[in-house]
Amino acid sequence: MEFVRHVAAIWLALGIGGVLFRTVQLFIIKDVLTGLVWATKILTDPFHDIKLYHKAPLALLRGEIIDRSIGAEWDDEDAEALPRIG
């Protein structure tokens, strides 16, 4: 168990170091605002993803693999106007 904790600590340090390195790199290459915006996006992405996809596992368990609402507003004429493959 101690080995797993060490590996986790190394990955966490590597991740934090990567974000800090890229942020400072953007400070130098572009400007401070660009670096801060990028770092904020990277740090908040997991929370945004949870907000977007929290219902997905339950939908998959119910067998809802394809979103039926995609293309629901199309009629037969719209479908016939699509190019044929093959």
Protein backbone atom coordinates (compact mmCIF):
# COMPACT_ATOMS: atom_id res chain seq x y z
CA MET A 1 0.00 0.00 0.00
CA GLU A 2 2.91 2.34 0.69
CA PHE A 3 4.16 1.82 -2.88
CA VAL A 4 0.77 2.88 -4.26
CA ARG A 5 0.82 6.03 -2.12
CA HIS A 6 4.30 6.91 -3.39
CA VAL A 7 3.26 6.39 -7.01
CA ALA A 8 0.15 8.54 -6.44
CA ALA A 9 2.25 11.29 -4.84
CA ILE A 10 4.66 11.21 -7.78
CA TRP A 11 1.81 11.49 -10.30
CA LEU A 12 0.25 14.33 -8.34
CA ALA A 13 3.57 16.20 -8.19
CA LEU A 14 4.13 15.59 -11.90
CA GLY A 15 0.67 16.93 -12.73
CA ILE A 16 1.07 20.03 -10.59
CA GLY A 17 4.55 20.60 -11.98
CA GLY A 18 3.25 20.28 -15.53
CA VAL A 19 0.49 22.82 -14.97
CA LEU A 20 2.90 25.25 -13.32
CA PHE A 21 5.50 24.79 -16.08
CA ARG A 22 2.96 25.39 -18.86
CA THR A 23 1.49 28.40 -17.05
CA VAL A 24 4.90 30.03 -16.64
CA GLN A 25 5.75 29.14 -20.25
CA LEU A 26 2.59 30.94 -21.40
CA PHE A 27 3.51 33.90 -19.20
CA ILE A 28 6.78 34.16 -21.14
CA ILE A 29 5.54 33.29 -24.64
CA LYS A 30 2.23 35.21 -24.63
CA ASP A 31 1.24 37.17 -21.54
CA VAL A 32 0.19 36.68 -17.93
CA LEU A 33 -3.53 36.68 -18.70
CA THR A 34 -3.16 33.84 -21.22
CA GLY A 35 -1.29 31.73 -18.67
CA LEU A 36 -3.85 32.37 -15.95
CA VAL A 37 -6.79 31.62 -18.26
CA TRP A 38 -5.18 28.36 -19.39
CA ALA A 39 -4.43 27.29 -15.80
CA THR A 40 -7.99 28.14 -14.73
CA LYS A 41 -9.42 26.11 -17.61
CA ILE A 42 -7.25 23.09 -16.77
CA LEU A 43 -8.18 23.25 -13.07
CA THR A 44 -11.93 23.66 -13.66
CA ASP A 45 -12.36 21.16 -16.54
CA PRO A 46 -13.02 18.13 -14.29
CA PHE A 47 -15.88 19.94 -12.55
CA HIS A 48 -17.38 21.02 -15.87
CA ASP A 49 -17.12 17.47 -17.21
CA ILE A 50 -18.91 16.10 -14.15
CA LYS A 51 -21.69 18.65 -14.68
CA LEU A 52 -22.03 17.64 -18.34
CA TYR A 53 -21.76 13.87 -18.06
CA HIS A 54 -23.03 12.88 -14.60
CA LYS A 55 -26.14 11.23 -16.11
CA ALA A 56 -24.24 9.23 -18.76
CA PRO A 57 -23.51 6.03 -16.76
CA LEU A 58 -27.16 5.59 -15.81
CA ALA A 59 -28.24 6.21 -19.41
CA LEU A 60 -25.79 3.55 -20.62
CA LEU A 61 -27.13 1.07 -18.07
CA ARG A 62 -30.62 1.72 -19.44
CA GLY A 63 -29.35 0.96 -22.94
CA GLU A 64 -29.45 4.55 -24.22
CA ILE A 65 -26.30 4.32 -26.29
CA ILE A 66 -27.39 6.76 -29.03
CA ASP A 67 -28.98 10.14 -28.39
CA ARG A 68 -32.31 9.88 -30.19
CA SER A 69 -32.81 13.65 -30.14
CA ILE A 70 -29.98 14.18 -32.63
CA GLY A 71 -31.59 14.85 -35.98
CA ALA A 72 -35.12 14.60 -34.56
CA GLU A 73 -36.09 17.90 -36.18
CA TRP A 74 -35.27 16.56 -39.66
CA ASP A 75 -38.00 15.46 -42.01
CA ASP A 76 -37.87 13.10 -45.01
CA GLU A 77 -36.91 15.89 -47.43
CA ASP A 78 -33.88 16.80 -45.32
CA ALA A 79 -32.81 13.16 -45.21
CA GLU A 80 -33.13 12.78 -48.99
CA ALA A 81 -30.91 15.84 -49.52
CA LEU A 82 -28.00 14.13 -47.74
CA PRO A 83 -25.31 12.61 -49.97
CA ARG A 84 -25.40 8.83 -50.31
CA ILE A 85 -22.38 6.79 -49.30
CA GLY A 86 -21.48 3.79 -51.40
